[in-house]
């Protein structure tokens, strides 16, 4: 059974650079064109199911705006990479 994960994007820091979207191996991230951050950028968001919590998006984010979570046998915890 594949891991299940999800992300939280801190919209205060996200500048919509799309690096996380380009590097996501599951292709489940996109820019939210219906929302703007306080600085006027379209933030990244989880567009569909399929996130495994691999953490690539959080590592590549130059603003450290992404927190990744994944299910584990013990419950839900922030992903460590």
N, C-alpha and C. Protein backbone atom coordinates (compact mmCIF):
# COMPACT_ATOMS: atom_id res chain seq x y z
N UNK A 1 0.85 -1.18 0.00
CA UNK A 1 0.00 0.00 0.00
C UNK A 1 0.89 1.24 0.00
N UNK A 2 0.70 2.14 -0.97
CA UNK A 2 1.56 3.33 -1.02
C UNK A 2 1.27 4.28 0.15
N UNK A 3 2.30 5.02 0.51
CA UNK A 3 2.13 6.01 1.56
C UNK A 3 1.15 7.08 1.11
N UNK A 4 0.43 7.63 2.07
CA UNK A 4 -0.45 8.76 1.78
C UNK A 4 0.13 9.99 2.45
N UNK A 5 0.15 11.06 1.73
CA UNK A 5 0.68 12.30 2.28
C UNK A 5 -0.13 13.49 1.82
N UNK A 6 0.20 14.64 2.37
CA UNK A 6 -0.39 15.90 1.95
C UNK A 6 0.54 17.01 2.38
N UNK A 7 0.27 18.20 1.87
CA UNK A 7 1.11 19.34 2.19
C UNK A 7 0.27 20.48 2.75
N UNK A 8 0.94 21.36 3.46
CA UNK A 8 0.38 22.65 3.84
C UNK A 8 1.33 23.70 3.32
N UNK A 9 0.78 24.68 2.63
CA UNK A 9 1.57 25.77 2.07
C UNK A 9 1.34 27.01 2.91
N UNK A 10 2.41 27.58 3.44
CA UNK A 10 2.32 28.83 4.19
C UNK A 10 2.26 29.95 3.17
N UNK A 11 1.07 30.52 3.01
CA UNK A 11 0.86 31.53 1.97
C UNK A 11 1.57 32.85 2.26
N UNK A 12 2.05 33.03 3.47
CA UNK A 12 2.83 34.23 3.78
C UNK A 12 4.17 34.18 3.05
N UNK A 13 4.69 32.96 2.89
CA UNK A 13 6.01 32.79 2.27
C UNK A 13 5.99 32.36 0.81
N UNK A 14 4.95 31.67 0.36
CA UNK A 14 4.89 31.16 -1.01
C UNK A 14 4.87 32.32 -2.00
N UNK A 15 5.78 32.25 -2.99
CA UNK A 15 5.83 33.29 -4.02
C UNK A 15 5.44 32.76 -5.39
N UNK A 16 4.85 31.58 -5.44
CA UNK A 16 4.34 31.05 -6.69
C UNK A 16 5.41 30.79 -7.74
N UNK A 17 6.59 30.39 -7.33
CA UNK A 17 7.71 30.20 -8.26
C UNK A 17 7.57 28.93 -9.11
N UNK A 18 6.71 28.01 -8.70
CA UNK A 18 6.41 26.76 -9.40
C UNK A 18 7.52 25.71 -9.35
N UNK A 19 8.57 25.92 -8.58
CA UNK A 19 9.61 24.90 -8.47
C UNK A 19 9.06 23.60 -7.89
N UNK A 20 8.21 23.70 -6.89
CA UNK A 20 7.62 22.50 -6.29
C UNK A 20 6.76 21.75 -7.30
N UNK A 21 6.05 22.48 -8.13
CA UNK A 21 5.18 21.88 -9.14
C UNK A 21 6.01 21.12 -10.17
N UNK A 22 7.09 21.72 -10.61
CA UNK A 22 7.95 21.11 -11.62
C UNK A 22 8.64 19.86 -11.10
N UNK A 23 8.97 19.82 -9.81
CA UNK A 23 9.75 18.71 -9.25
C UNK A 23 8.91 17.62 -8.61
N UNK A 24 7.62 17.81 -8.47
CA UNK A 24 6.77 16.81 -7.82
C UNK A 24 6.73 15.52 -8.65
N UNK A 25 7.25 14.40 -8.11
CA UNK A 25 7.26 13.16 -8.88
C UNK A 25 5.86 12.58 -9.10
N UNK A 26 4.88 12.96 -8.29
CA UNK A 26 3.51 12.46 -8.43
C UNK A 26 2.64 13.37 -9.29
N UNK A 27 3.14 14.56 -9.64
CA UNK A 27 2.40 15.55 -10.44
C UNK A 27 1.05 15.88 -9.81
N UNK A 28 1.07 16.21 -8.51
CA UNK A 28 -0.18 16.51 -7.81
C UNK A 28 -0.24 17.95 -7.29
N UNK A 29 0.70 18.80 -7.69
CA UNK A 29 0.71 20.19 -7.25
C UNK A 29 0.38 21.12 -8.42
N UNK A 30 -0.20 22.27 -8.08
CA UNK A 30 -0.52 23.29 -9.08
C UNK A 30 -0.58 24.64 -8.38
N UNK A 31 -0.65 25.70 -9.16
CA UNK A 31 -0.90 27.02 -8.59
C UNK A 31 -2.39 27.23 -8.47
N UNK A 32 -2.81 27.80 -7.37
CA UNK A 32 -4.22 28.12 -7.16
C UNK A 32 -4.50 29.46 -7.80
N UNK A 33 -5.06 29.43 -8.99
CA UNK A 33 -5.32 30.66 -9.75
C UNK A 33 -6.53 31.42 -9.21
N UNK A 34 -7.24 30.84 -8.26
CA UNK A 34 -8.40 31.50 -7.65
C UNK A 34 -8.05 32.22 -6.35
N UNK A 35 -6.78 32.16 -5.94
CA UNK A 35 -6.38 32.77 -4.67
C UNK A 35 -5.09 33.55 -4.85
N UNK A 36 -4.90 34.53 -3.99
CA UNK A 36 -3.66 35.30 -3.95
C UNK A 36 -3.12 35.30 -2.53
N UNK A 37 -1.80 35.25 -2.43
CA UNK A 37 -1.16 35.37 -1.12
C UNK A 37 -1.19 36.83 -0.69
N UNK A 38 -0.84 37.11 0.56
CA UNK A 38 -0.79 38.51 1.00
C UNK A 38 0.15 39.38 0.16
N UNK A 39 1.13 38.74 -0.50
CA UNK A 39 2.06 39.49 -1.34
C UNK A 39 1.63 39.53 -2.81
N UNK A 40 0.49 38.94 -3.13
CA UNK A 40 -0.05 39.01 -4.48
C UNK A 40 0.35 37.89 -5.42
N UNK A 41 0.83 36.77 -4.89
CA UNK A 41 1.20 35.62 -5.72
C UNK A 41 0.11 34.55 -5.67
N UNK A 42 0.02 33.74 -6.71
CA UNK A 42 -0.85 32.57 -6.69
C UNK A 42 -0.10 31.45 -5.96
N UNK A 43 -0.65 30.94 -4.86
CA UNK A 43 0.08 29.93 -4.07
C UNK A 43 -0.05 28.53 -4.66
N UNK A 44 0.91 27.69 -4.33
CA UNK A 44 0.86 26.28 -4.69
C UNK A 44 -0.17 25.59 -3.81
N UNK A 45 -0.75 24.51 -4.33
CA UNK A 45 -1.68 23.71 -3.53
C UNK A 45 -1.70 22.28 -4.07
N UNK A 46 -2.25 21.38 -3.29
CA UNK A 46 -2.38 19.98 -3.66
C UNK A 46 -3.63 19.85 -4.52
N UNK A 47 -3.45 19.63 -5.84
CA UNK A 47 -4.58 19.64 -6.77
C UNK A 47 -5.34 18.31 -6.84
N UNK A 48 -4.69 17.23 -6.43
CA UNK A 48 -5.34 15.93 -6.51
C UNK A 48 -4.72 14.96 -5.51
N UNK A 49 -5.38 13.83 -5.34
CA UNK A 49 -4.84 12.78 -4.47
C UNK A 49 -3.65 12.14 -5.15
N UNK A 50 -2.84 11.47 -4.39
CA UNK A 50 -1.69 10.78 -4.94
C UNK A 50 -0.38 11.20 -4.30
N UNK A 51 -0.44 12.21 -3.42
CA UNK A 51 0.77 12.64 -2.71
C UNK A 51 1.23 11.51 -1.80
N UNK A 52 2.52 11.20 -1.85
CA UNK A 52 3.07 10.14 -1.01
C UNK A 52 3.82 10.70 0.19
N UNK A 53 3.93 12.03 0.28
CA UNK A 53 4.68 12.63 1.38
C UNK A 53 6.17 12.51 1.20
N UNK A 54 6.64 12.46 -0.04
CA UNK A 54 8.07 12.23 -0.29
C UNK A 54 8.94 13.40 0.17
N UNK A 55 8.40 14.61 0.19
CA UNK A 55 9.14 15.77 0.70
C UNK A 55 9.95 16.53 -0.34
N UNK A 56 9.92 16.12 -1.60
CA UNK A 56 10.69 16.81 -2.63
C UNK A 56 10.27 18.28 -2.73
N UNK A 57 8.98 18.54 -2.65
CA UNK A 57 8.49 19.92 -2.77
C UNK A 57 9.04 20.80 -1.65
N UNK A 58 9.07 20.27 -0.44
CA UNK A 58 9.58 21.05 0.70
C UNK A 58 11.08 21.30 0.58
N UNK A 59 11.80 20.33 0.04
CA UNK A 59 13.25 20.50 -0.11
C UNK A 59 13.57 21.54 -1.17
N UNK A 60 12.84 21.53 -2.28
CA UNK A 60 13.13 22.42 -3.40
C UNK A 60 12.62 23.85 -3.17
N UNK A 61 11.68 24.03 -2.25
CA UNK A 61 11.08 25.36 -2.02
C UNK A 61 12.10 26.33 -1.45
N UNK A 62 12.43 27.40 -2.20
CA UNK A 62 13.44 28.35 -1.72
C UNK A 62 12.97 29.20 -0.54
N UNK A 63 11.67 29.25 -0.30
CA UNK A 63 11.11 30.05 0.78
C UNK A 63 10.74 29.21 2.00
N UNK A 64 10.95 27.90 1.95
CA UNK A 64 10.56 26.99 3.04
C UNK A 64 9.09 27.18 3.41
N UNK A 65 8.25 27.28 2.39
CA UNK A 65 6.83 27.55 2.59
C UNK A 65 5.98 26.29 2.69
N UNK A 66 6.58 25.12 2.49
CA UNK A 66 5.81 23.88 2.43
C UNK A 66 6.16 22.96 3.59
N UNK A 67 5.11 22.48 4.26
CA UNK A 67 5.26 21.44 5.27
C UNK A 67 4.60 20.19 4.72
N UNK A 68 5.30 19.08 4.76
CA UNK A 68 4.80 17.82 4.23
C UNK A 68 4.41 16.90 5.38
N UNK A 69 3.27 16.24 5.24
CA UNK A 69 2.79 15.28 6.23
C UNK A 69 2.59 13.94 5.53
N UNK A 70 2.82 12.86 6.27
CA UNK A 70 2.54 11.54 5.72
C UNK A 70 2.01 10.62 6.81
N UNK A 71 1.19 9.68 6.38
CA UNK A 71 0.68 8.68 7.31
C UNK A 71 1.78 7.69 7.61
N UNK A 72 1.77 7.20 8.81
CA UNK A 72 2.69 6.14 9.19
C UNK A 72 1.94 5.15 10.05
N UNK A 73 2.60 4.10 10.43
CA UNK A 73 1.95 3.11 11.29
C UNK A 73 1.57 3.70 12.64
N UNK A 74 2.32 4.70 13.08
CA UNK A 74 2.07 5.33 14.38
C UNK A 74 1.03 6.44 14.30
N UNK A 75 0.65 6.85 13.11
CA UNK A 75 -0.28 7.94 12.93
C UNK A 75 0.27 8.96 11.97
N UNK A 76 -0.22 10.16 12.05
CA UNK A 76 0.19 11.23 11.15
C UNK A 76 1.30 12.04 11.79
N UNK A 77 2.35 12.31 11.01
CA UNK A 77 3.47 13.09 11.53
C UNK A 77 4.09 13.88 10.40
N UNK A 78 4.74 15.01 10.70
CA UNK A 78 5.46 15.73 9.65
C UNK A 78 6.54 14.82 9.06
N UNK A 79 6.69 14.90 7.76
CA UNK A 79 7.68 14.07 7.07
C UNK A 79 9.08 14.58 7.40
N UNK A 80 10.00 13.65 7.59
CA UNK A 80 11.40 14.00 7.77
C UNK A 80 12.16 13.47 6.57
N UNK A 81 13.05 14.27 6.05
CA UNK A 81 13.79 13.85 4.85
C UNK A 81 15.25 13.78 5.15
